[in-house]
N, C-alpha and C. Protein backbone atom coordinates (compact mmCIF):
# COMPACT_ATOMS: atom_id res chain seq x y z
N MET A 1 31.42 26.63 11.61
CA MET A 1 30.31 25.89 11.04
C MET A 1 29.59 25.16 12.20
N THR A 2 28.29 25.09 12.12
CA THR A 2 27.54 24.41 13.15
C THR A 2 27.46 22.93 12.82
N PRO A 3 27.19 22.07 13.84
CA PRO A 3 27.07 20.63 13.58
C PRO A 3 26.01 20.30 12.55
N ARG A 4 24.85 20.96 12.62
CA ARG A 4 23.76 20.67 11.68
C ARG A 4 24.19 21.03 10.25
N LYS A 5 24.85 22.18 10.09
CA LYS A 5 25.27 22.59 8.74
C LYS A 5 26.34 21.65 8.20
N GLU A 6 27.30 21.25 9.04
CA GLU A 6 28.31 20.31 8.59
C GLU A 6 27.68 18.96 8.20
N LEU A 7 26.73 18.51 8.97
CA LEU A 7 26.05 17.24 8.67
C LEU A 7 25.38 17.32 7.29
N PHE A 8 24.62 18.36 7.04
CA PHE A 8 23.97 18.53 5.74
C PHE A 8 24.98 18.62 4.60
N THR A 9 26.00 19.42 4.80
CA THR A 9 27.03 19.63 3.74
C THR A 9 27.74 18.34 3.40
N LYS A 10 28.15 17.58 4.41
CA LYS A 10 28.84 16.32 4.16
C LYS A 10 27.97 15.28 3.46
N ILE A 11 26.70 15.22 3.90
CA ILE A 11 25.78 14.28 3.25
C ILE A 11 25.54 14.67 1.80
N LYS A 12 25.34 15.96 1.55
CA LYS A 12 25.13 16.43 0.18
C LYS A 12 26.34 16.14 -0.69
N GLU A 13 27.56 16.37 -0.17
CA GLU A 13 28.77 16.08 -0.93
C GLU A 13 28.86 14.60 -1.28
N ALA A 14 28.53 13.73 -0.32
CA ALA A 14 28.60 12.30 -0.57
C ALA A 14 27.55 11.86 -1.62
N LEU A 15 26.38 12.46 -1.56
CA LEU A 15 25.33 12.09 -2.52
C LEU A 15 25.61 12.62 -3.94
N THR A 16 26.34 13.71 -4.03
CA THR A 16 26.69 14.21 -5.38
C THR A 16 27.60 13.25 -6.15
N MET A 17 28.18 12.29 -5.46
CA MET A 17 29.02 11.28 -6.12
C MET A 17 28.17 10.24 -6.85
N ILE A 18 26.87 10.30 -6.66
CA ILE A 18 25.95 9.35 -7.31
C ILE A 18 25.38 10.00 -8.55
N PRO A 19 25.84 9.63 -9.73
CA PRO A 19 25.40 10.31 -10.95
C PRO A 19 23.92 10.15 -11.29
N GLU A 20 23.26 9.13 -10.75
CA GLU A 20 21.83 8.92 -11.05
C GLU A 20 20.95 9.97 -10.40
N LEU A 21 21.42 10.62 -9.35
CA LEU A 21 20.59 11.63 -8.68
C LEU A 21 20.70 12.95 -9.42
N GLU A 22 19.55 13.50 -9.77
CA GLU A 22 19.49 14.74 -10.51
C GLU A 22 19.35 15.96 -9.62
N LEU A 23 18.82 15.77 -8.42
CA LEU A 23 18.64 16.87 -7.47
C LEU A 23 18.94 16.35 -6.09
N ILE A 24 19.78 17.08 -5.36
CA ILE A 24 20.07 16.78 -3.95
C ILE A 24 19.87 18.11 -3.23
N ASP A 25 18.98 18.08 -2.23
CA ASP A 25 18.63 19.36 -1.60
C ASP A 25 18.12 19.09 -0.18
N LEU A 26 17.95 20.14 0.56
CA LEU A 26 17.36 20.07 1.88
C LEU A 26 15.83 19.81 1.70
N GLN A 27 15.29 18.98 2.54
CA GLN A 27 13.85 18.71 2.48
C GLN A 27 13.06 19.98 2.80
N ARG A 28 12.38 20.48 1.79
CA ARG A 28 11.55 21.69 1.98
C ARG A 28 10.11 21.42 1.55
N LYS A 29 9.71 20.19 1.68
CA LYS A 29 8.34 19.75 1.33
C LYS A 29 8.04 20.02 -0.14
N GLN A 30 9.04 19.78 -1.00
CA GLN A 30 8.88 20.03 -2.43
C GLN A 30 7.80 19.14 -3.05
N PHE A 31 7.55 17.96 -2.47
CA PHE A 31 6.56 17.04 -3.03
C PHE A 31 5.26 17.03 -2.23
N LYS A 32 5.03 18.02 -1.41
CA LYS A 32 3.76 18.11 -0.67
C LYS A 32 2.81 19.07 -1.40
N LYS A 33 3.27 19.67 -2.49
CA LYS A 33 2.47 20.61 -3.26
C LYS A 33 1.55 19.82 -4.23
N PRO A 34 0.70 20.49 -4.92
CA PRO A 34 -0.05 19.79 -5.98
C PRO A 34 0.94 19.22 -7.01
N ALA A 35 0.59 18.08 -7.58
CA ALA A 35 1.48 17.38 -8.52
C ALA A 35 2.00 18.26 -9.66
N ALA A 36 1.22 19.21 -10.08
CA ALA A 36 1.65 20.08 -11.17
C ALA A 36 2.85 20.93 -10.82
N ASN A 37 3.08 21.12 -9.53
CA ASN A 37 4.18 21.96 -9.06
C ASN A 37 5.38 21.17 -8.55
N TYR A 38 5.43 19.86 -8.78
CA TYR A 38 6.56 19.05 -8.35
C TYR A 38 7.80 19.51 -9.11
N PRO A 39 8.98 19.31 -8.49
CA PRO A 39 10.24 19.63 -9.23
C PRO A 39 10.26 18.79 -10.53
N GLN A 40 10.92 19.31 -11.51
CA GLN A 40 10.97 18.66 -12.84
C GLN A 40 12.12 17.67 -12.95
N TYR A 41 12.40 16.92 -11.90
CA TYR A 41 13.47 15.94 -11.92
C TYR A 41 12.90 14.56 -11.71
N PHE A 42 13.48 13.59 -12.38
CA PHE A 42 13.01 12.20 -12.24
C PHE A 42 13.52 11.60 -10.95
N THR A 43 14.76 11.86 -10.58
CA THR A 43 15.33 11.25 -9.37
C THR A 43 15.91 12.33 -8.48
N CYS A 44 15.53 12.33 -7.26
CA CYS A 44 16.13 13.31 -6.32
C CYS A 44 16.16 12.73 -4.91
N ALA A 45 17.12 13.24 -4.16
CA ALA A 45 17.29 12.88 -2.76
C ALA A 45 17.18 14.15 -1.92
N LEU A 46 16.20 14.16 -1.01
CA LEU A 46 16.03 15.30 -0.14
C LEU A 46 16.45 14.91 1.26
N ILE A 47 17.26 15.75 1.86
CA ILE A 47 17.89 15.49 3.17
C ILE A 47 17.08 16.21 4.24
N GLU A 48 16.65 15.43 5.23
CA GLU A 48 15.90 16.03 6.36
C GLU A 48 16.66 15.66 7.65
N ILE A 49 17.11 16.66 8.35
CA ILE A 49 17.75 16.48 9.65
C ILE A 49 16.69 16.67 10.70
N GLY A 50 16.41 15.59 11.43
CA GLY A 50 15.31 15.59 12.40
C GLY A 50 15.68 16.29 13.69
N VAL A 51 14.87 16.01 14.67
CA VAL A 51 15.07 16.60 16.00
C VAL A 51 16.42 16.16 16.57
N ILE A 52 17.14 17.10 17.16
CA ILE A 52 18.39 16.75 17.83
C ILE A 52 18.11 16.84 19.33
N LYS A 53 18.37 15.75 20.04
CA LYS A 53 18.17 15.68 21.49
C LYS A 53 19.50 15.99 22.15
N TRP A 54 19.67 17.24 22.61
CA TRP A 54 20.92 17.69 23.17
C TRP A 54 21.00 17.40 24.67
N GLU A 55 22.19 17.06 25.13
CA GLU A 55 22.48 16.91 26.55
C GLU A 55 23.69 17.75 26.87
N SER A 56 23.64 18.44 28.00
CA SER A 56 24.78 19.26 28.41
C SER A 56 25.86 18.40 29.04
N MET A 57 27.09 18.75 28.76
CA MET A 57 28.23 18.08 29.32
C MET A 57 29.08 19.10 30.05
N VAL A 58 30.21 18.68 30.56
CA VAL A 58 31.13 19.62 31.26
C VAL A 58 31.80 20.52 30.26
N GLU A 59 32.33 21.62 30.75
CA GLU A 59 33.12 22.59 29.97
C GLU A 59 32.37 23.15 28.78
N GLN A 60 31.08 23.46 28.97
CA GLN A 60 30.27 24.12 27.95
C GLN A 60 30.15 23.30 26.65
N LYS A 61 30.19 22.00 26.76
CA LYS A 61 30.01 21.14 25.59
C LYS A 61 28.62 20.52 25.61
N GLN A 62 28.16 20.14 24.40
CA GLN A 62 26.90 19.45 24.29
C GLN A 62 27.05 18.26 23.38
N GLU A 63 26.27 17.24 23.66
CA GLU A 63 26.23 16.03 22.83
C GLU A 63 24.80 15.81 22.44
N GLY A 64 24.54 15.54 21.19
CA GLY A 64 23.18 15.36 20.71
C GLY A 64 22.99 14.14 19.85
N LEU A 65 21.86 13.47 20.05
CA LEU A 65 21.50 12.34 19.20
C LEU A 65 20.56 12.87 18.11
N CYS A 66 20.80 12.44 16.86
CA CYS A 66 20.11 12.99 15.73
C CYS A 66 19.72 11.90 14.74
N ASP A 67 18.52 11.99 14.20
CA ASP A 67 18.08 11.11 13.13
C ASP A 67 18.04 11.90 11.84
N ILE A 68 18.50 11.26 10.78
CA ILE A 68 18.55 11.87 9.46
C ILE A 68 17.70 11.03 8.54
N GLU A 69 16.94 11.67 7.70
CA GLU A 69 16.10 10.94 6.76
C GLU A 69 16.43 11.39 5.35
N ILE A 70 16.74 10.48 4.47
CA ILE A 70 16.96 10.78 3.07
C ILE A 70 15.70 10.29 2.33
N MET A 71 14.99 11.22 1.74
CA MET A 71 13.81 10.88 0.93
C MET A 71 14.24 10.78 -0.52
N LEU A 72 14.13 9.57 -1.06
CA LEU A 72 14.44 9.32 -2.47
C LEU A 72 13.16 9.33 -3.24
N TYR A 73 13.07 10.21 -4.22
CA TYR A 73 11.90 10.29 -5.09
C TYR A 73 12.34 9.93 -6.52
N CYS A 74 11.52 9.09 -7.18
CA CYS A 74 11.79 8.74 -8.56
C CYS A 74 10.47 8.45 -9.27
N LYS A 75 10.50 8.63 -10.58
CA LYS A 75 9.30 8.41 -11.38
C LYS A 75 8.90 6.94 -11.30
N ASP A 76 7.62 6.71 -11.20
CA ASP A 76 7.05 5.38 -11.11
C ASP A 76 7.22 4.65 -12.43
N GLY A 77 7.74 3.44 -12.35
CA GLY A 77 7.83 2.55 -13.53
C GLY A 77 8.76 3.12 -14.59
N TRP A 78 10.04 3.10 -14.33
CA TRP A 78 11.01 3.67 -15.27
C TRP A 78 11.06 2.93 -16.59
N MET A 79 10.66 1.69 -16.61
CA MET A 79 10.87 0.86 -17.80
C MET A 79 10.09 1.41 -18.99
N GLU A 80 10.83 1.78 -20.04
CA GLU A 80 10.27 2.23 -21.32
C GLU A 80 9.26 3.39 -21.16
N GLN A 81 9.42 4.22 -20.18
CA GLN A 81 8.52 5.35 -20.05
C GLN A 81 9.13 6.67 -20.41
N HIS A 82 10.41 6.84 -20.12
CA HIS A 82 11.04 8.14 -20.28
C HIS A 82 12.12 8.06 -21.35
N GLN A 83 12.00 8.87 -22.35
CA GLN A 83 12.96 8.99 -23.45
C GLN A 83 13.19 7.60 -24.10
N LYS A 84 12.14 6.75 -24.09
CA LYS A 84 12.22 5.41 -24.74
C LYS A 84 13.39 4.60 -24.22
N THR A 85 13.67 4.72 -22.93
CA THR A 85 14.75 3.89 -22.33
C THR A 85 14.15 2.59 -21.84
N SER A 86 15.01 1.63 -21.64
CA SER A 86 14.56 0.32 -21.17
C SER A 86 15.50 -0.17 -20.08
N ASP A 87 14.93 -0.76 -19.06
CA ASP A 87 15.70 -1.32 -17.95
C ASP A 87 15.55 -2.83 -17.99
N PRO A 88 16.62 -3.55 -18.28
CA PRO A 88 16.52 -5.00 -18.38
C PRO A 88 16.17 -5.69 -17.06
N GLU A 89 16.25 -5.00 -15.96
CA GLU A 89 15.94 -5.61 -14.66
C GLU A 89 14.51 -5.34 -14.20
N GLY A 90 13.63 -5.08 -15.13
CA GLY A 90 12.22 -4.92 -14.79
C GLY A 90 11.84 -3.58 -14.18
N GLY A 91 12.60 -2.54 -14.45
CA GLY A 91 12.26 -1.21 -13.94
C GLY A 91 12.48 -1.04 -12.45
N LEU A 92 13.41 -1.78 -11.89
CA LEU A 92 13.66 -1.71 -10.46
C LEU A 92 14.99 -1.03 -10.12
N ILE A 93 15.35 -0.04 -10.93
CA ILE A 93 16.59 0.70 -10.69
C ILE A 93 16.60 1.35 -9.33
N GLU A 94 15.43 1.81 -8.88
CA GLU A 94 15.38 2.52 -7.61
C GLU A 94 15.84 1.66 -6.43
N ILE A 95 15.65 0.34 -6.51
CA ILE A 95 16.16 -0.53 -5.44
C ILE A 95 17.68 -0.49 -5.40
N ASP A 96 18.31 -0.54 -6.57
CA ASP A 96 19.76 -0.40 -6.61
C ASP A 96 20.20 0.96 -6.08
N LEU A 97 19.43 1.96 -6.39
CA LEU A 97 19.77 3.34 -5.96
C LEU A 97 19.73 3.47 -4.43
N ILE A 98 18.77 2.79 -3.80
CA ILE A 98 18.71 2.78 -2.33
C ILE A 98 20.01 2.22 -1.77
N ASP A 99 20.45 1.09 -2.33
CA ASP A 99 21.70 0.46 -1.85
C ASP A 99 22.91 1.35 -2.10
N ILE A 100 22.93 2.02 -3.22
CA ILE A 100 24.07 2.94 -3.53
C ILE A 100 24.10 4.09 -2.52
N ILE A 101 22.92 4.64 -2.21
CA ILE A 101 22.88 5.74 -1.22
C ILE A 101 23.37 5.27 0.13
N VAL A 102 22.94 4.07 0.55
CA VAL A 102 23.38 3.54 1.83
C VAL A 102 24.90 3.35 1.85
N GLU A 103 25.45 2.81 0.76
CA GLU A 103 26.89 2.61 0.66
C GLU A 103 27.65 3.92 0.79
N GLN A 104 27.12 4.99 0.19
CA GLN A 104 27.77 6.29 0.26
C GLN A 104 27.72 6.92 1.65
N LEU A 105 26.63 6.70 2.37
CA LEU A 105 26.45 7.41 3.63
C LEU A 105 26.81 6.58 4.88
N GLN A 106 26.74 5.29 4.82
CA GLN A 106 27.08 4.46 5.97
C GLN A 106 28.53 4.71 6.39
N GLY A 107 28.72 5.15 7.63
CA GLY A 107 30.07 5.43 8.14
C GLY A 107 30.58 6.82 7.87
N LEU A 108 29.81 7.63 7.16
CA LEU A 108 30.23 9.02 6.88
C LEU A 108 30.34 9.77 8.20
N GLN A 109 31.43 10.51 8.38
CA GLN A 109 31.61 11.28 9.63
C GLN A 109 32.25 12.63 9.32
N GLY A 110 32.19 13.50 10.32
CA GLY A 110 32.76 14.84 10.18
C GLY A 110 33.40 15.25 11.47
N ASP A 111 33.77 16.53 11.51
CA ASP A 111 34.43 17.06 12.72
C ASP A 111 33.43 17.18 13.88
N TYR A 112 32.15 17.39 13.56
CA TYR A 112 31.14 17.59 14.61
C TYR A 112 30.18 16.43 14.77
N PHE A 113 30.36 15.37 14.00
CA PHE A 113 29.46 14.21 14.18
C PHE A 113 30.19 12.91 13.95
N LYS A 114 29.69 11.88 14.66
CA LYS A 114 30.26 10.52 14.58
C LYS A 114 29.73 9.86 13.31
N PRO A 115 30.27 8.67 12.97
CA PRO A 115 29.84 7.99 11.75
C PRO A 115 28.33 7.73 11.70
N LEU A 116 27.74 7.97 10.53
CA LEU A 116 26.32 7.68 10.32
C LEU A 116 26.10 6.19 10.33
N ARG A 117 24.97 5.77 10.91
CA ARG A 117 24.59 4.37 10.93
C ARG A 117 23.16 4.28 10.41
N GLN A 118 22.94 3.39 9.43
CA GLN A 118 21.59 3.24 8.90
C GLN A 118 20.72 2.54 9.94
N THR A 119 19.50 3.07 10.15
CA THR A 119 18.60 2.47 11.12
C THR A 119 17.38 1.84 10.46
N ALA A 120 16.98 2.30 9.28
CA ALA A 120 15.81 1.74 8.63
C ALA A 120 15.72 2.25 7.18
N ASP A 121 14.94 1.55 6.41
CA ASP A 121 14.48 2.08 5.13
C ASP A 121 13.08 1.52 4.90
N GLU A 122 12.24 2.34 4.33
CA GLU A 122 10.84 1.97 4.16
C GLU A 122 10.24 2.76 3.01
N PRO A 123 9.13 2.27 2.45
CA PRO A 123 8.46 3.06 1.40
C PRO A 123 8.00 4.40 1.95
N GLY A 124 8.01 5.40 1.12
CA GLY A 124 7.58 6.73 1.53
C GLY A 124 6.13 6.99 1.22
N ASP A 125 5.79 8.25 1.05
CA ASP A 125 4.43 8.65 0.81
C ASP A 125 3.97 8.19 -0.60
N ASP A 126 2.70 7.90 -0.71
CA ASP A 126 2.14 7.62 -2.02
C ASP A 126 1.81 8.90 -2.73
N LEU A 127 2.52 9.15 -3.81
CA LEU A 127 2.32 10.36 -4.57
C LEU A 127 1.97 9.97 -6.00
N GLU A 128 1.31 10.89 -6.70
CA GLU A 128 0.90 10.63 -8.06
C GLU A 128 2.12 10.46 -8.97
N GLU A 129 2.27 9.30 -9.56
CA GLU A 129 3.32 8.96 -10.53
C GLU A 129 4.73 9.03 -9.97
N ILE A 130 4.89 9.10 -8.66
CA ILE A 130 6.23 9.22 -8.09
C ILE A 130 6.37 8.18 -6.99
N MET A 131 7.46 7.46 -7.03
CA MET A 131 7.79 6.50 -5.98
C MET A 131 8.71 7.21 -4.99
N SER A 132 8.53 6.90 -3.71
CA SER A 132 9.41 7.50 -2.70
C SER A 132 9.80 6.47 -1.67
N TYR A 133 11.00 6.67 -1.16
CA TYR A 133 11.57 5.79 -0.15
C TYR A 133 12.23 6.61 0.93
N LYS A 134 12.08 6.19 2.18
CA LYS A 134 12.76 6.85 3.30
C LYS A 134 13.92 5.98 3.70
N ILE A 135 15.09 6.59 3.77
CA ILE A 135 16.28 5.89 4.21
C ILE A 135 16.74 6.63 5.46
N LYS A 136 16.73 5.97 6.60
CA LYS A 136 16.99 6.64 7.87
C LYS A 136 18.35 6.26 8.43
N PHE A 137 19.01 7.28 8.99
CA PHE A 137 20.30 7.13 9.62
C PHE A 137 20.27 7.80 10.98
N SER A 138 21.20 7.49 11.85
CA SER A 138 21.36 8.21 13.10
C SER A 138 22.84 8.48 13.35
N THR A 139 23.08 9.49 14.18
CA THR A 139 24.46 9.86 14.53
C THR A 139 24.44 10.64 15.84
N THR A 140 25.62 10.87 16.34
CA THR A 140 25.82 11.69 17.55
C THR A 140 26.56 12.95 17.13
N LEU A 141 26.03 14.09 17.52
CA LEU A 141 26.64 15.39 17.23
C LEU A 141 27.31 15.98 18.46
N TYR A 142 28.31 16.82 18.22
CA TYR A 142 29.01 17.47 19.32
C TYR A 142 29.16 18.96 19.01
N ARG A 143 29.07 19.80 20.04
CA ARG A 143 29.34 21.22 19.83
C ARG A 143 29.78 21.83 21.17
N ARG A 144 30.48 22.94 21.06
CA ARG A 144 30.94 23.69 22.21
C ARG A 144 30.18 25.02 22.22
N LEU A 145 29.69 25.39 23.37
CA LEU A 145 29.00 26.66 23.52
C LEU A 145 29.93 27.72 24.06
N GLU A 146 29.56 28.97 23.87
CA GLU A 146 30.35 30.08 24.39
C GLU A 146 30.23 30.06 25.92
N TYR A 147 31.33 30.38 26.60
CA TYR A 147 31.30 30.46 28.04
C TYR A 147 30.40 31.60 28.50
N LYS A 148 29.61 31.36 29.52
CA LYS A 148 28.72 32.39 30.03
C LYS A 148 29.49 33.43 30.84
N TYR A 149 30.57 33.01 31.44
CA TYR A 149 31.31 33.88 32.35
C TYR A 149 32.72 34.06 31.86
N THR A 150 33.28 35.21 32.15
CA THR A 150 34.68 35.43 31.80
C THR A 150 35.54 35.34 33.07
N LYS A 151 36.78 34.93 32.89
CA LYS A 151 37.67 34.80 34.03
C LYS A 151 38.20 36.18 34.40
N LYS A 152 38.22 36.45 35.68
CA LYS A 152 38.74 37.72 36.17
C LYS A 152 39.72 37.42 37.30
N LYS A 153 40.72 38.24 37.39
CA LYS A 153 41.71 38.07 38.43
C LYS A 153 41.21 38.72 39.71
N LEU A 154 41.31 37.97 40.78
CA LEU A 154 40.89 38.50 42.09
C LEU A 154 41.96 39.45 42.61
N ILE A 155 41.54 40.45 43.36
CA ILE A 155 42.50 41.41 43.95
C ILE A 155 43.12 40.75 45.17
N ASN A 156 44.45 40.88 45.31
CA ASN A 156 45.15 40.31 46.47
C ASN A 156 45.03 41.19 47.67
């Protein structure tokens, strides 16, 4: 498994523990389309693994710094809008959801990456009837490359 694939897989596994999320997927610009073609889910988290800045180390190893962005999308104004539900906290469930996501991912680590550390969260893009939030993390990745040369015995 590659470091990038392990990072995505571990993040997705951690987010599936949050029952409020209806869709967890790789960021594929699902919400950049016309509004009529948006996914039919009220709450989703899309995982975007940003640029990895690799540095070569000894013995065919590499170390890379990576930023991860979780885009949380949810319907605007949940209070009494969908299926006649009501939120006693003024329709601000998404704020709690941001904190739950951070709790799940902060410190998450794998075989190829160090613990995730939250670096920022901010409002996302303004979309029609959809609220979005960016939750940013960073980590260090490690991988070993194949040796370029093979060892050969010298003739005596």
